[in-house]
Amino acid sequence: MKVGLYFGSFNPIHNGHLIIANHVLQHSGLEQIWFVVSPQNPLKTSGNLLNEYHRLHLVKQAIEGELALKASDIEFSLPRPSYTIDTLTYLEEKYPENNFFVIMGSDSLQNIGKWKSGELLLKRYPILVYQRPGFEVPEKLEKKTTLMNAPLLDISSTMIRKMVAAGQSIRYMVPDSVHEEILKSGYYK
């Protein structure tokens, strides 16, 4: 099976993430996309990071009923911080029948030199890149890298957290079920 791995903190997941996943699924030949919730990104501080199980729960709520989308906690049991290359190695051993593709924004592609074994990742795995504002995609891409012209929303998890903390509405920026859970549980206050 062709599986796209969409790595992220998803702190919280929002409609921009879902639009990208849906677009990639529709235009790439992938059969499934797994939202890999990262407990600790080595390039980000964990100061305002919601507990990984709460973030996983929000992802599950966001994609409920979508058979081709899956929430993955695979990195919860791996050493921390999480490194994409290590997770891919583990997944290949656990699911040898699958072909894994990495979904990333152009911001991540620009920073891949800072990643553990970033060059190996580019050479070894198919990468599906979506444009992020302010982060140009190089004209010459690695052979296994494909640009996906996904529609983008100018929203971010950081913006959503700030809005919640300020008492502003995030309705329409996140799925209704995620919105309700954030309000009910008092996340990001």
Protein backbone atom coordinates (compact mmCIF):
# COMPACT_ATOMS: atom_id res chain seq x y z
CA MET A 1 0.00 0.00 0.00
CA LYS A 2 1.19 3.54 -0.76
CA VAL A 3 1.09 5.49 2.51
CA GLY A 4 1.80 9.19 2.94
CA LEU A 5 3.26 10.16 6.30
CA TYR A 6 2.25 13.65 7.40
CA PHE A 7 4.49 14.39 10.40
CA GLY A 8 3.71 17.22 12.79
CA SER A 9 3.04 18.44 16.28
CA PHE A 10 -0.58 19.16 15.32
CA ASN A 11 -0.79 21.57 18.25
CA PRO A 12 -3.71 21.68 17.35
CA ILE A 13 -4.67 20.14 14.03
CA HIS A 14 -6.56 22.66 11.88
CA ASN A 15 -8.42 22.86 8.58
CA GLY A 16 -5.24 23.84 6.72
CA HIS A 17 -3.69 20.48 7.63
CA LEU A 18 -6.81 18.66 6.48
CA ILE A 19 -7.02 20.54 3.17
CA ILE A 20 -3.40 19.67 2.40
CA ALA A 21 -3.91 16.00 3.32
CA ASN A 22 -7.06 15.77 1.19
CA HIS A 23 -5.36 17.45 -1.79
CA VAL A 24 -2.31 15.18 -1.58
CA LEU A 25 -4.53 12.11 -1.27
CA GLN A 26 -6.56 13.13 -4.34
CA HIS A 27 -3.57 14.02 -6.56
CA SER A 28 -0.73 11.66 -5.64
CA GLY A 29 -1.87 8.06 -6.01
CA LEU A 30 -1.53 7.48 -2.27
CA GLU A 31 -3.99 5.05 -0.72
CA GLN A 32 -3.74 6.36 2.86
CA ILE A 33 -2.32 9.29 4.76
CA TRP A 34 -1.17 8.81 8.34
CA PHE A 35 -1.01 11.88 10.57
CA VAL A 36 2.10 11.06 12.62
CA VAL A 37 1.75 13.02 15.85
CA SER A 38 5.26 13.91 17.00
CA PRO A 39 5.62 13.97 20.79
CA GLN A 40 8.74 16.15 20.57
CA ASN A 41 10.12 17.85 17.46
CA PRO A 42 13.89 18.28 17.90
CA LEU A 43 13.78 21.67 16.11
CA LYS A 44 10.99 23.17 18.24
CA THR A 45 10.65 24.03 21.91
CA SER A 46 8.06 22.08 23.84
CA GLY A 47 7.01 24.99 26.06
CA ASN A 48 3.38 25.34 24.94
CA LEU A 49 2.98 21.84 23.56
CA LEU A 50 -0.26 20.17 24.57
CA ASN A 51 0.19 16.60 25.88
CA GLU A 52 0.73 14.23 22.94
CA TYR A 53 -2.28 12.07 23.85
CA HIS A 54 -4.56 15.12 23.80
CA ARG A 55 -3.13 16.15 20.39
CA LEU A 56 -3.61 12.59 19.09
CA HIS A 57 -7.21 12.64 20.34
CA LEU A 58 -7.85 15.93 18.49
CA VAL A 59 -6.42 14.43 15.28
CA LYS A 60 -8.65 11.37 15.66
CA GLN A 61 -11.67 13.63 16.13
CA ALA A 62 -10.73 15.73 13.11
CA ILE A 63 -10.52 12.74 10.74
CA GLU A 64 -13.30 10.59 12.17
CA GLY A 65 -15.11 8.75 9.41
CA GLU A 66 -12.37 9.34 6.82
CA LEU A 67 -11.23 5.83 5.88
CA ALA A 68 -8.10 6.94 4.00
CA LEU A 69 -6.86 9.10 6.89
CA LYS A 70 -5.33 7.63 10.04
CA ALA A 71 -3.97 9.11 13.28
CA SER A 72 -0.66 7.53 14.25
CA ASP A 73 1.01 7.43 17.66
CA ILE A 74 3.99 5.46 16.33
CA GLU A 75 6.51 8.00 17.64
CA PHE A 76 5.13 7.80 21.19
CA SER A 77 7.02 4.55 21.77
CA LEU A 78 10.23 5.59 19.99
CA PRO A 79 13.19 7.42 21.59
CA ARG A 80 12.81 11.18 21.96
CA PRO A 81 13.25 13.57 20.36
CA SER A 82 11.62 12.10 17.25
CA TYR A 83 13.70 11.91 14.10
CA THR A 84 11.87 11.30 10.82
CA ILE A 85 14.58 9.00 9.44
CA ASP A 86 14.39 6.76 12.54
CA THR A 87 10.59 6.62 12.37
CA LEU A 88 10.73 5.66 8.69
CA THR A 89 13.26 2.91 9.41
CA TYR A 90 11.01 1.56 12.16
CA LEU A 91 7.88 1.73 9.97
CA GLU A 92 9.60 -0.10 7.11
CA GLU A 93 10.49 -2.92 9.48
CA LYS A 94 7.01 -3.05 11.04
CA TYR A 95 5.07 -2.68 7.76
CA PRO A 96 7.28 -4.12 4.98
CA GLU A 97 4.26 -4.38 2.66
CA ASN A 98 3.86 -0.57 2.55
CA ASN A 99 5.65 2.04 0.47
CA PHE A 100 6.08 5.20 2.53
CA PHE A 101 6.05 8.75 1.20
CA VAL A 102 6.86 11.82 3.31
CA ILE A 103 4.54 14.85 3.10
CA MET A 104 6.19 18.14 4.09
CA GLY A 105 5.91 21.87 3.62
CA SER A 106 8.45 23.91 1.69
CA ASP A 107 9.61 25.35 5.05
CA SER A 108 10.66 21.86 6.15
CA LEU A 109 12.30 21.20 2.80
CA GLN A 110 14.38 24.37 3.22
CA ASN A 111 15.46 23.19 6.69
CA ILE A 112 16.16 19.57 5.75
CA GLY A 113 19.91 20.18 6.11
CA LYS A 114 19.31 20.56 9.88
CA TRP A 115 17.51 17.23 10.10
CA LYS A 116 19.18 14.02 11.22
CA SER A 117 20.23 12.28 7.97
CA GLY A 118 18.25 14.81 5.92
CA GLU A 119 20.19 14.13 2.71
CA LEU A 120 19.64 10.38 3.09
CA LEU A 121 15.93 10.99 3.59
CA LEU A 122 15.77 12.99 0.33
CA LYS A 123 17.59 10.29 -1.61
CA ARG A 124 15.83 7.29 -0.13
CA TYR A 125 12.17 8.30 0.21
CA PRO A 126 9.64 9.92 -2.10
CA ILE A 127 8.87 13.41 -0.76
CA LEU A 128 5.63 15.25 -1.53
CA VAL A 129 6.13 18.97 -0.89
CA TYR A 130 3.43 21.62 -0.55
CA GLN A 131 4.22 25.32 -0.81
CA ARG A 132 4.28 27.40 2.37
CA PRO A 133 4.15 31.20 2.04
CA GLY A 134 7.60 32.76 2.32
CA PHE A 135 9.43 29.47 1.68
CA GLU A 136 10.27 29.02 -1.96
CA VAL A 137 10.63 25.56 -3.44
CA PRO A 138 13.96 25.16 -5.27
CA GLU A 139 13.63 24.92 -9.04
CA LYS A 140 15.75 21.77 -9.09
CA LEU A 141 14.36 19.10 -6.80
CA GLU A 142 15.75 15.70 -5.89
CA LYS A 143 14.55 12.95 -8.23
CA LYS A 144 12.11 11.53 -5.65
CA THR A 145 10.68 14.93 -4.64
CA THR A 146 7.36 16.14 -6.10
CA LEU A 147 5.75 19.55 -5.70
CA MET A 148 2.06 19.34 -4.79
CA ASN A 149 0.16 22.54 -5.58
CA ALA A 150 -2.15 22.23 -2.59
CA PRO A 151 -4.51 25.10 -1.74
CA LEU A 152 -3.29 26.92 1.34
CA LEU A 153 -5.06 28.69 4.16
CA ASP A 154 -3.19 31.45 5.94
CA ILE A 155 -3.70 29.92 9.39
CA SER A 156 -1.34 28.17 11.75
CA SER A 157 -1.48 26.24 14.99
CA THR A 158 0.44 29.10 16.63
CA MET A 159 -2.24 31.59 15.53
CA ILE A 160 -4.99 29.31 16.83
CA ARG A 161 -3.32 28.92 20.23
CA LYS A 162 -2.91 32.69 20.54
CA MET A 163 -6.55 33.28 19.59
CA VAL A 164 -7.77 30.75 22.16
CA ALA A 165 -5.57 32.34 24.85
CA ALA A 166 -7.02 35.76 23.94
CA GLY A 167 -10.59 34.45 24.15
CA GLN A 168 -11.19 34.82 20.40
CA SER A 169 -13.23 32.39 18.32
CA ILE A 170 -11.43 29.74 16.26
CA ARG A 171 -14.62 28.46 14.71
CA TYR A 172 -14.18 27.56 11.02
CA MET A 173 -10.39 27.28 11.49
CA VAL A 174 -10.64 23.81 13.00
CA PRO A 175 -13.22 21.05 12.55
CA ASP A 176 -16.28 21.52 14.77
CA SER A 177 -15.40 18.48 16.90
CA VAL A 178 -11.90 19.87 17.54
CA HIS A 179 -13.33 23.31 18.34
CA GLU A 180 -15.74 21.80 20.87
CA GLU A 181 -13.02 19.69 22.53
CA ILE A 182 -10.63 22.64 22.86
CA LEU A 183 -13.37 24.73 24.50
CA LYS A 184 -14.65 21.92 26.73
CA SER A 185 -11.18 20.89 27.94
CA GLY A 186 -9.82 24.42 28.31
CA TYR A 187 -6.81 23.74 26.07
CA TYR A 188 -4.48 26.66 25.26
CA LYS A 189 -6.03 29.05 27.81
